[in-house]
C-alpha atoms as a PDB file:
ATOM      1  CA  MET A   1       0.031  -0.174   0.117  1.00  0.00           C
ATOM      2  CA  ASN A   2       1.317   3.374  -0.771  1.00  0.00           C
ATOM      3  CA  PRO A   3       1.692   5.688   2.097  1.00  0.00           C
ATOM      4  CA  GLU A   4       0.026   8.430   0.674  1.00  0.00           C
ATOM      5  CA  GLU A   5      -3.151   5.871   0.711  1.00  0.00           C
ATOM      6  CA  SER A   6      -2.820   4.591   4.242  1.00  0.00           C
ATOM      7  CA  ALA A   7      -5.473   5.629   7.048  1.00  0.00           C
ATOM      8  CA  THR A   8      -4.162   7.921   9.785  1.00  0.00           C
ATOM      9  CA  ASP A   9      -4.633   7.075  13.296  1.00  0.00           C
ATOM     10  CA  ARG A  10      -7.032   9.733  13.671  1.00  0.00           C
ATOM     11  CA  GLU A  11      -9.237   8.280  10.619  1.00  0.00           C
ATOM     12  CA  LEU A  12      -9.129   4.776  12.209  1.00  0.00           C
ATOM     13  CA  ASP A  13     -10.411   6.140  15.597  1.00  0.00           C
ATOM     14  CA  GLN A  14     -13.223   8.080  13.646  1.00  0.00           C
ATOM     15  CA  PHE A  15     -14.155   4.986  11.666  1.00  0.00           C
ATOM     16  CA  TYR A  16     -13.545   2.414  14.593  1.00  0.00           C
ATOM     17  CA  GLY A  17     -13.862   4.506  17.760  1.00  0.00           C
ATOM     18  CA  THR A  18     -11.216   4.044  20.395  1.00  0.00           C
ATOM     19  CA  PRO A  19     -11.581   1.733  23.025  1.00  0.00           C
ATOM     20  CA  PRO A  20     -12.794   3.164  26.794  1.00  0.00           C
ATOM     21  CA  THR A  21     -10.505   3.768  29.062  1.00  0.00           C
ATOM     22  CA  GLU A  22     -10.823   2.088  32.563  1.00  0.00           C
ATOM     23  CA  ALA A  23     -12.247   5.340  34.192  1.00  0.00           C
ATOM     24  CA  GLN A  24     -15.088   5.081  31.520  1.00  0.00           C
ATOM     25  CA  VAL A  25     -15.760   1.400  32.301  1.00  0.00           C
ATOM     26  CA  GLN A  26     -15.738   2.032  35.931  1.00  0.00           C
ATOM     27  CA  GLU A  27     -18.005   5.032  35.592  1.00  0.00           C
ATOM     28  CA  SER A  28     -20.571   3.255  33.443  1.00  0.00           C
ATOM     29  CA  ILE A  29     -20.563   0.199  35.704  1.00  0.00           C
ATOM     30  CA  ARG A  30     -21.128   2.555  38.687  1.00  0.00           C
ATOM     31  CA  ARG A  31     -24.001   4.584  37.035  1.00  0.00           C
ATOM     32  CA  PHE A  32     -25.746   1.149  36.037  1.00  0.00           C
ATOM     33  CA  THR A  33     -25.329  -0.369  39.465  1.00  0.00           C
ATOM     34  CA  GLU A  34     -27.064   2.399  40.988  1.00  0.00           C
ATOM     35  CA  ALA A  35     -29.574   2.393  38.503  1.00  0.00           C
ATOM     36  CA  PHE A  36     -30.840  -1.063  38.856  1.00  0.00           C
ATOM     37  CA  ASP A  37     -34.041  -1.093  40.774  1.00  0.00           C
ATOM     38  CA  ALA A  38     -37.187  -3.223  41.622  1.00  0.00           C
ATOM     39  CA  ASP A  39     -38.431  -3.217  38.207  1.00  0.00           C
ATOM     40  CA  ASP A  40     -34.928  -4.696  36.873  1.00  0.00           C
ATOM     41  CA  LEU A  41     -35.144  -7.117  39.861  1.00  0.00           C
ATOM     42  CA  VAL A  42     -38.968  -8.344  38.886  1.00  0.00           C
ATOM     43  CA  GLU A  43     -38.288  -8.412  35.132  1.00  0.00           C
ATOM     44  CA  ILE A  44     -35.193 -10.791  35.819  1.00  0.00           C
ATOM     45  CA  VAL A  45     -37.100 -12.872  38.119  1.00  0.00           C
ATOM     46  CA  SER A  46     -39.835 -12.893  35.732  1.00  0.00           C
ATOM     47  CA  GLU A  47     -37.844 -14.127  32.912  1.00  0.00           C
ATOM     48  CA  ASN A  48     -36.642 -17.016  34.986  1.00  0.00           C
ATOM     49  CA  ALA A  49     -39.447 -17.941  36.874  1.00  0.00           C
ATOM     50  CA  LYS A  50     -38.969 -21.643  36.561  1.00  0.00           C
ATOM     51  CA  THR A  51     -35.355 -21.864  37.796  1.00  0.00           C
ATOM     52  CA  ALA A  52     -36.594 -19.136  40.865  1.00  0.00           C
ATOM     53  CA  VAL A  53     -39.358 -21.465  41.768  1.00  0.00           C
ATOM     54  CA  SER A  54     -36.851 -24.735  41.655  1.00  0.00           C
ATOM     55  CA  PHE A  55     -34.566 -22.864  43.663  1.00  0.00           C
ATOM     56  CA  LEU A  56     -37.060 -21.896  46.395  1.00  0.00           C
ATOM     57  CA  ARG A  57     -38.352 -25.869  46.427  1.00  0.00           C
ATOM     58  CA  LEU A  58     -34.984 -27.331  46.210  1.00  0.00           C
ATOM     59  CA  SER A  59     -32.484 -24.967  48.041  1.00  0.00           C
ATOM     60  CA  PRO A  60     -33.999 -21.777  48.821  1.00  0.00           C
ATOM     61  CA  GLY A  61     -30.535 -20.393  50.716  1.00  0.00           C
ATOM     62  CA  VAL A  62     -28.929 -20.014  47.326  1.00  0.00           C
ATOM     63  CA  ILE A  63     -31.505 -17.595  46.016  1.00  0.00           C
ATOM     64  CA  GLY A  64     -29.904 -14.735  46.996  1.00  0.00           C
ATOM     65  CA  ASP A  65     -26.783 -15.639  45.201  1.00  0.00           C
ATOM     66  CA  TRP A  66     -28.604 -16.273  42.231  1.00  0.00           C
ATOM     67  CA  LEU A  67     -30.145 -13.110  41.985  1.00  0.00           C
ATOM     68  CA  ASP A  68     -27.203 -11.237  42.720  1.00  0.00           C
ATOM     69  CA  TYR A  69     -25.463 -13.044  39.543  1.00  0.00           C
ATOM     70  CA  LEU A  70     -28.579 -12.317  37.596  1.00  0.00           C
ATOM     71  CA  ARG A  71     -28.150  -8.650  38.839  1.00  0.00           C
ATOM     72  CA  LYS A  72     -24.650  -8.308  37.803  1.00  0.00           C
ATOM     73  CA  GLU A  73     -25.186 -10.066  34.429  1.00  0.00           C
ATOM     74  CA  THR A  74     -27.972  -7.713  33.780  1.00  0.00           C
ATOM     75  CA  ILE A  75     -25.700  -4.679  34.705  1.00  0.00           C
ATOM     76  CA  ALA A  76     -22.692  -5.980  32.588  1.00  0.00           C
ATOM     77  CA  GLY A  77     -24.869  -6.381  29.511  1.00  0.00           C
ATOM     78  CA  TRP A  78     -26.047  -2.613  29.834  1.00  0.00           C
ATOM     79  CA  VAL A  79     -22.321  -1.521  30.450  1.00  0.00           C
ATOM     80  CA  SER A  80     -21.391  -3.678  27.429  1.00  0.00           C
ATOM     81  CA  LYS A  81     -23.983  -2.358  24.880  1.00  0.00           C
ATOM     82  CA  GLU A  82     -23.257   1.368  25.978  1.00  0.00           C
ATOM     83  CA  LEU A  83     -19.407   1.019  25.834  1.00  0.00           C
ATOM     84  CA  TYR A  84     -19.129  -1.550  23.214  1.00  0.00           C
ATOM     85  CA  GLY A  85     -22.204  -1.734  21.489  1.00  0.00           C
ATOM     86  CA  LYS A  86     -22.684  -5.837  22.113  1.00  0.00           C
ATOM     87  CA  THR A  87     -23.029  -7.866  25.083  1.00  0.00           C
ATOM     88  CA  GLY A  88     -20.556 -10.407  26.577  1.00  0.00           C
ATOM     89  CA  VAL A  89     -17.345  -7.919  26.702  1.00  0.00           C
ATOM     90  CA  ILE A  90     -18.184  -6.960  30.135  1.00  0.00           C
ATOM     91  CA  THR A  91     -19.191  -9.848  32.583  1.00  0.00           C
ATOM     92  CA  ALA A  92     -20.747 -10.598  35.706  1.00  0.00           C
ATOM     93  CA  LYS A  93     -17.371 -11.306  37.415  1.00  0.00           C
ATOM     94  CA  ASP A  94     -16.495  -7.589  36.565  1.00  0.00           C
ATOM     95  CA  ILE A  95     -19.479  -6.212  38.358  1.00  0.00           C
ATOM     96  CA  LYS A  96     -19.417  -5.678  42.518  1.00  0.00           C
END
C-alpha cells in the first residue's frame, strides 16, 4: 500500500472508535449499578421464573446468590452495550 493511501490513526479512530478507558468502564458500571432497581429485579425474576421456583423448592438458601448473579449479569450487559455496542465484553465477574 502506498503511504499516501494509508489511513491515519485519527481516521481509523473515527471509523472504528476508540476503546473506552478503565475510568469510563468503571463510571458506566457505577451508574448502571446505581440505576438497577425493583423493576429490573422483577424483570429478571420473571424471565427466570421456573428456575426461581426450583431454587425456592430445592435450595432456598442459594436464591440470594443467584439473584445477585443475575443482577450483575444484567448490569454487565448494559455496560457492554453502552461502551462496546454489544453484550459479552463486560461480564458478571467485573461487577461488584
